[in-house]
PDB file of N, CA and C in Angstrom:
ATOM      1  N   MET A   1       0.330   2.991  20.880  1.00  0.00           N
ATOM      2  CA  MET A   1       1.148   2.150  19.839  1.00  0.00           C
ATOM      3  C   MET A   1       0.165   1.032  19.787  1.00  0.00           C
ATOM      4  N   THR A   2      -0.398   0.851  18.621  1.00  0.00           N
ATOM      5  CA  THR A   2      -1.338  -0.442  18.212  1.00  0.00           C
ATOM      6  C   THR A   2      -0.426  -1.891  18.319  1.00  0.00           C
ATOM      7  N   PRO A   3      -1.004  -2.815  18.976  1.00  0.00           N
ATOM      8  CA  PRO A   3      -0.359  -4.031  19.215  1.00  0.00           C
ATOM      9  C   PRO A   3      -0.209  -4.778  17.918  1.00  0.00           C
ATOM     10  N   LYS A   4       0.640  -5.590  17.861  1.00  0.00           N
ATOM     11  CA  LYS A   4       1.054  -6.635  16.552  1.00  0.00           C
ATOM     12  C   LYS A   4      -0.235  -7.417  16.366  1.00  0.00           C
ATOM     13  N   ALA A   5      -0.532  -7.780  17.353  1.00  0.00           N
ATOM     14  CA  ALA A   5      -1.806  -8.863  17.178  1.00  0.00           C
ATOM     15  C   ALA A   5      -3.007  -8.104  16.535  1.00  0.00           C
ATOM     16  N   ILE A   6      -3.328  -7.066  16.737  1.00  0.00           N
ATOM     17  CA  ILE A   6      -4.314  -6.200  16.107  1.00  0.00           C
ATOM     18  C   ILE A   6      -4.021  -6.095  14.590  1.00  0.00           C
ATOM     19  N   ILE A   7      -2.495  -5.482  14.458  1.00  0.00           N
ATOM     20  CA  ILE A   7      -2.305  -4.959  12.904  1.00  0.00           C
ATOM     21  C   ILE A   7      -2.201  -6.241  11.947  1.00  0.00           C
ATOM     22  N   ASN A   8      -1.921  -7.523  12.629  1.00  0.00           N
ATOM     23  CA  ASN A   8      -1.520  -8.640  11.956  1.00  0.00           C
ATOM     24  C   ASN A   8      -2.866  -9.475  11.456  1.00  0.00           C
ATOM     25  N   HIS A   9      -4.047  -8.878  12.551  1.00  0.00           N
ATOM     26  CA  HIS A   9      -5.175  -9.912  12.106  1.00  0.00           C
ATOM     27  C   HIS A   9      -5.845  -9.425  10.756  1.00  0.00           C
ATOM     28  N   SER A  10      -6.061 -10.454  10.086  1.00  0.00           N
ATOM     29  CA  SER A  10      -7.035 -10.612   8.941  1.00  0.00           C
ATOM     30  C   SER A  10      -8.058  -9.701   8.602  1.00  0.00           C
ATOM     31  N   GLN A  11      -8.650  -9.090   9.858  1.00  0.00           N
ATOM     32  CA  GLN A  11      -9.738  -8.452   9.782  1.00  0.00           C
ATOM     33  C   GLN A  11      -9.638  -6.714  10.120  1.00  0.00           C
ATOM     34  N   PHE A  12      -8.097  -6.666  10.316  1.00  0.00           N
ATOM     35  CA  PHE A  12      -7.782  -5.287  10.795  1.00  0.00           C
ATOM     36  C   PHE A  12      -8.053  -4.187   9.625  1.00  0.00           C
ATOM     37  N   THR A  13      -8.655  -3.209  10.225  1.00  0.00           N
ATOM     38  CA  THR A  13      -8.917  -2.067   9.435  1.00  0.00           C
ATOM     39  C   THR A  13      -8.557  -0.953  10.469  1.00  0.00           C
ATOM     40  N   ASN A  14      -7.970   0.292  10.238  1.00  0.00           N
ATOM     41  CA  ASN A  14      -7.723   1.112  11.162  1.00  0.00           C
ATOM     42  C   ASN A  14      -8.986   1.796  11.423  1.00  0.00           C
ATOM     43  N   GLU A  15     -10.111   1.736  10.610  1.00  0.00           N
ATOM     44  CA  GLU A  15     -11.352   2.535  10.849  1.00  0.00           C
ATOM     45  C   GLU A  15     -11.910   1.530  12.039  1.00  0.00           C
ATOM     46  N   ASP A  16     -12.146   0.526  11.861  1.00  0.00           N
ATOM     47  CA  ASP A  16     -12.554  -0.359  12.789  1.00  0.00           C
ATOM     48  C   ASP A  16     -12.156  -0.344  14.111  1.00  0.00           C
ATOM     49  N   TYR A  17     -10.760  -0.447  14.045  1.00  0.00           N
ATOM     50  CA  TYR A  17      -9.803  -0.551  15.194  1.00  0.00           C
ATOM     51  C   TYR A  17     -10.410   0.674  16.108  1.00  0.00           C
ATOM     52  N   GLU A  18     -10.185   1.806  15.471  1.00  0.00           N
ATOM     53  CA  GLU A  18     -10.311   2.913  16.277  1.00  0.00           C
ATOM     54  C   GLU A  18     -11.688   3.111  16.746  1.00  0.00           C
ATOM     55  N   TYR A  19     -13.095   2.727  15.906  1.00  0.00           N
ATOM     56  CA  TYR A  19     -14.165   2.727  16.313  1.00  0.00           C
ATOM     57  C   TYR A  19     -14.494   1.815  17.600  1.00  0.00           C
ATOM     58  N   LEU A  20     -13.583   0.791  17.584  1.00  0.00           N
ATOM     59  CA  LEU A  20     -13.965  -0.472  18.936  1.00  0.00           C
ATOM     60  C   LEU A  20     -13.209   0.106  19.743  1.00  0.00           C
ATOM     61  N   LYS A  21     -12.044   0.690  19.981  1.00  0.00           N
ATOM     62  CA  LYS A  21     -11.282   1.490  20.880  1.00  0.00           C
ATOM     63  C   LYS A  21     -12.297   2.407  21.582  1.00  0.00           C
ATOM     64  N   THR A  22     -12.961   3.091  20.795  1.00  0.00           N
ATOM     65  CA  THR A  22     -13.720   4.246  20.983  1.00  0.00           C
ATOM     66  C   THR A  22     -14.983   3.751  21.916  1.00  0.00           C
ATOM     67  N   LYS A  23     -15.413   2.615  21.689  1.00  0.00           N
ATOM     68  CA  LYS A  23     -16.555   2.074  22.356  1.00  0.00           C
ATOM     69  C   LYS A  23     -16.019   1.346  23.615  1.00  0.00           C
ATOM     70  N   GLY A  24     -14.902   1.334  23.717  1.00  0.00           N
ATOM     71  CA  GLY A  24     -14.203   0.596  25.123  1.00  0.00           C
ATOM     72  C   GLY A  24     -13.794  -0.648  24.922  1.00  0.00           C
ATOM     73  N   TYR A  25     -13.798  -1.252  23.898  1.00  0.00           N
ATOM     74  CA  TYR A  25     -13.430  -2.548  24.027  1.00  0.00           C
ATOM     75  C   TYR A  25     -11.656  -2.627  23.959  1.00  0.00           C
ATOM     76  N   ASN A  26     -11.197  -3.666  24.934  1.00  0.00           N
ATOM     77  CA  ASN A  26      -9.971  -3.888  24.754  1.00  0.00           C
ATOM     78  C   ASN A  26      -9.297  -4.568  23.847  1.00  0.00           C
ATOM     79  N   THR A  27      -8.027  -4.956  23.927  1.00  0.00           N
ATOM     80  CA  THR A  27      -7.308  -5.643  22.618  1.00  0.00           C
ATOM     81  C   THR A  27      -7.905  -6.947  22.722  1.00  0.00           C
ATOM     82  N   LYS A  28      -8.031  -7.949  23.669  1.00  0.00           N
ATOM     83  CA  LYS A  28      -8.425  -9.091  23.717  1.00  0.00           C
ATOM     84  C   LYS A  28     -10.012  -9.163  22.961  1.00  0.00           C
ATOM     85  N   GLU A  29     -10.656  -8.235  23.640  1.00  0.00           N
ATOM     86  CA  GLU A  29     -12.111  -8.338  23.081  1.00  0.00           C
ATOM     87  C   GLU A  29     -12.142  -7.736  21.683  1.00  0.00           C
ATOM     88  N   ILE A  30     -11.395  -7.008  21.140  1.00  0.00           N
ATOM     89  CA  ILE A  30     -11.379  -6.537  19.813  1.00  0.00           C
ATOM     90  C   ILE A  30     -10.929  -7.591  18.962  1.00  0.00           C
ATOM     91  N   LEU A  31      -9.894  -8.473  19.178  1.00  0.00           N
ATOM     92  CA  LEU A  31      -9.676  -9.735  18.466  1.00  0.00           C
ATOM     93  C   LEU A  31     -10.765 -10.939  18.504  1.00  0.00           C
ATOM     94  N   SER A  32     -11.335 -10.968  19.525  1.00  0.00           N
ATOM     95  CA  SER A  32     -12.236 -12.038  19.818  1.00  0.00           C
ATOM     96  C   SER A  32     -13.672 -11.695  18.840  1.00  0.00           C
ATOM     97  N   ILE A  33     -13.863 -10.344  18.612  1.00  0.00           N
ATOM     98  CA  ILE A  33     -14.857  -9.802  17.724  1.00  0.00           C
ATOM     99  C   ILE A  33     -14.310 -10.055  16.412  1.00  0.00           C
ATOM    100  N   TRP A  34     -13.255  -9.980  16.118  1.00  0.00           N
ATOM    101  CA  TRP A  34     -12.702 -10.031  14.459  1.00  0.00           C
ATOM    102  C   TRP A  34     -12.585 -11.624  14.325  1.00  0.00           C
ATOM    103  N   ASP A  35     -12.360 -12.396  15.424  1.00  0.00           N
ATOM    104  CA  ASP A  35     -12.458 -13.685  14.975  1.00  0.00           C
ATOM    105  C   ASP A  35     -13.749 -14.532  14.905  1.00  0.00           C
ATOM    106  N   ARG A  36     -14.651 -13.740  15.577  1.00  0.00           N
ATOM    107  CA  ARG A  36     -15.902 -14.186  15.529  1.00  0.00           C
ATOM    108  C   ARG A  36     -16.336 -13.805  13.936  1.00  0.00           C
ATOM    109  N   ASP A  37     -16.124 -12.541  13.609  1.00  0.00           N
ATOM    110  CA  ASP A  37     -16.528 -12.013  12.349  1.00  0.00           C
ATOM    111  C   ASP A  37     -16.174 -12.863  11.145  1.00  0.00           C
ATOM    112  N   LYS A  38     -14.678 -13.287  11.147  1.00  0.00           N
ATOM    113  CA  LYS A  38     -14.008 -13.877  10.543  1.00  0.00           C
ATOM    114  C   LYS A  38     -14.689 -15.243  10.080  1.00  0.00           C
ATOM    115  N   LYS A  39     -14.972 -15.916  11.178  1.00  0.00           N
ATOM    116  CA  LYS A  39     -15.661 -17.125  11.378  1.00  0.00           C
ATOM    117  C   LYS A  39     -16.905 -17.223  10.689  1.00  0.00           C
ATOM    118  N   ASP A  40     -17.860 -16.193  10.810  1.00  0.00           N
ATOM    119  CA  ASP A  40     -18.929 -15.666  10.335  1.00  0.00           C
ATOM    120  C   ASP A  40     -18.861 -15.333   8.716  1.00  0.00           C
ATOM    121  N   GLY A  41     -17.844 -15.110   8.404  1.00  0.00           N
ATOM    122  CA  GLY A  41     -17.858 -14.493   6.976  1.00  0.00           C
ATOM    123  C   GLY A  41     -18.021 -13.039   6.776  1.00  0.00           C
ATOM    124  N   THR A  42     -17.982 -12.362   7.720  1.00  0.00           N
ATOM    125  CA  THR A  42     -18.160 -11.006   7.704  1.00  0.00           C
ATOM    126  C   THR A  42     -17.046 -10.293   7.485  1.00  0.00           C
ATOM    127  N   PRO A  43     -17.145  -9.430   6.197  1.00  0.00           N
ATOM    128  CA  PRO A  43     -15.803  -8.802   5.659  1.00  0.00           C
ATOM    129  C   PRO A  43     -15.149  -7.857   6.781  1.00  0.00           C
ATOM    130  N   PRO A  44     -13.817  -7.133   6.562  1.00  0.00           N
ATOM    131  CA  PRO A  44     -13.443  -6.200   7.286  1.00  0.00           C
ATOM    132  C   PRO A  44     -14.099  -5.110   7.106  1.00  0.00           C
ATOM    133  N   VAL A  45     -14.082  -4.147   8.172  1.00  0.00           N
ATOM    134  CA  VAL A  45     -14.792  -2.784   7.890  1.00  0.00           C
ATOM    135  C   VAL A  45     -13.833  -2.029   7.075  1.00  0.00           C
ATOM    136  N   THR A  46     -13.960  -1.499   5.880  1.00  0.00           N
ATOM    137  CA  THR A  46     -13.238  -0.751   5.190  1.00  0.00           C
ATOM    138  C   THR A  46     -13.245   0.419   4.877  1.00  0.00           C
ATOM    139  N   VAL A  47     -14.561   0.977   5.116  1.00  0.00           N
ATOM    140  CA  VAL A  47     -14.892   2.368   4.915  1.00  0.00           C
ATOM    141  C   VAL A  47     -15.703   2.894   5.868  1.00  0.00           C
ATOM    142  N   ASN A  48     -15.033   4.448   6.406  1.00  0.00           N
ATOM    143  CA  ASN A  48     -15.686   4.892   7.611  1.00  0.00           C
ATOM    144  C   ASN A  48     -16.748   5.545   7.152  1.00  0.00           C
ATOM    145  N   LYS A  49     -17.916   5.026   6.672  1.00  0.00           N
ATOM    146  CA  LYS A  49     -19.129   5.688   6.069  1.00  0.00           C
ATOM    147  C   LYS A  49     -19.582   6.805   6.757  1.00  0.00           C
ATOM    148  N   TYR A  50     -19.208   7.135   8.194  1.00  0.00           N
ATOM    149  CA  TYR A  50     -20.020   8.052   8.892  1.00  0.00           C
ATOM    150  C   TYR A  50     -18.911   9.522   8.722  1.00  0.00           C
ATOM    151  N   LYS A  51     -17.631   9.139   8.431  1.00  0.00           N
ATOM    152  CA  LYS A  51     -16.615  10.190   8.338  1.00  0.00           C
ATOM    153  C   LYS A  51     -16.371  10.661   9.794  1.00  0.00           C
ATOM    154  N   ILE A  52     -16.325   9.807  10.728  1.00  0.00           N
ATOM    155  CA  ILE A  52     -16.042  10.398  12.236  1.00  0.00           C
ATOM    156  C   ILE A  52     -14.629  10.046  12.475  1.00  0.00           C
ATOM    157  N   ASP A  53     -13.680  10.933  12.985  1.00  0.00           N
ATOM    158  CA  ASP A  53     -12.704  11.143  13.327  1.00  0.00           C
ATOM    159  C   ASP A  53     -12.600  10.302  14.556  1.00  0.00           C
ATOM    160  N   TRP A  54     -12.360   9.003  14.656  1.00  0.00           N
ATOM    161  CA  TRP A  54     -12.460   8.077  16.049  1.00  0.00           C
ATOM    162  C   TRP A  54     -11.340   8.529  17.092  1.00  0.00           C
ATOM    163  N   LYS A  55     -10.222   8.932  16.409  1.00  0.00           N
ATOM    164  CA  LYS A  55      -9.208   9.260  17.287  1.00  0.00           C
ATOM    165  C   LYS A  55      -9.532  10.608  18.035  1.00  0.00           C
ATOM    166  N   ALA A  56     -10.199  11.415  17.362  1.00  0.00           N
ATOM    167  CA  ALA A  56     -10.637  12.756  18.249  1.00  0.00           C
ATOM    168  C   ALA A  56     -11.757  12.262  19.069  1.00  0.00           C
ATOM    169  N   GLU A  57     -12.648  11.564  18.575  1.00  0.00           N
ATOM    170  CA  GLU A  57     -13.659  11.328  19.706  1.00  0.00           C
ATOM    171  C   GLU A  57     -13.391  10.486  20.745  1.00  0.00           C
ATOM    172  N   ARG A  58     -12.138   9.560  20.735  1.00  0.00           N
ATOM    173  CA  ARG A  58     -11.799   9.084  21.727  1.00  0.00           C
ATOM    174  C   ARG A  58     -11.014   9.882  22.846  1.00  0.00           C
ATOM    175  N   ALA A  59     -10.355  11.112  22.126  1.00  0.00           N
ATOM    176  CA  ALA A  59      -9.704  11.974  22.954  1.00  0.00           C
ATOM    177  C   ALA A  59     -10.702  12.866  23.671  1.00  0.00           C
ATOM    178  N   LYS A  60     -11.724  13.036  23.138  1.00  0.00           N
ATOM    179  CA  LYS A  60     -12.890  13.672  23.899  1.00  0.00           C
ATOM    180  C   LYS A  60     -13.566  13.035  25.034  1.00  0.00           C
ATOM    181  N   ILE A  61     -13.653  11.485  25.112  1.00  0.00           N
ATOM    182  CA  ILE A  61     -13.936  10.683  25.974  1.00  0.00           C
ATOM    183  C   ILE A  61     -12.988  10.543  27.191  1.00  0.00           C
ATOM    184  N   LEU A  62     -11.841  10.673  26.936  1.00  0.00           N
ATOM    185  CA  LEU A  62     -10.709  10.635  27.908  1.00  0.00           C
ATOM    186  C   LEU A  62     -10.426  11.953  28.521  1.00  0.00           C
ATOM    187  N   ILE A  63     -11.209  12.911  28.010  1.00  0.00           N
ATOM    188  CA  ILE A  63     -10.688  14.331  28.751  1.00  0.00           C
ATOM    189  C   ILE A  63     -11.926  14.184  29.927  1.00  0.00           C
TER     190      ILE A  63
END
């Protein structure tokens, strides 16, 4: 289940969240990255340009 703090963050996109989880970042670290990006004016990631299914990739890592 995705934490409410993640879902409610202005930088939240499912693609970015799944990517960062796959890279091993925890909720606190993801929120920190997004806070930094927002402060710097970096727009939220809205397109999964690599067409990678991050949930499937994360499942491979956990196996």
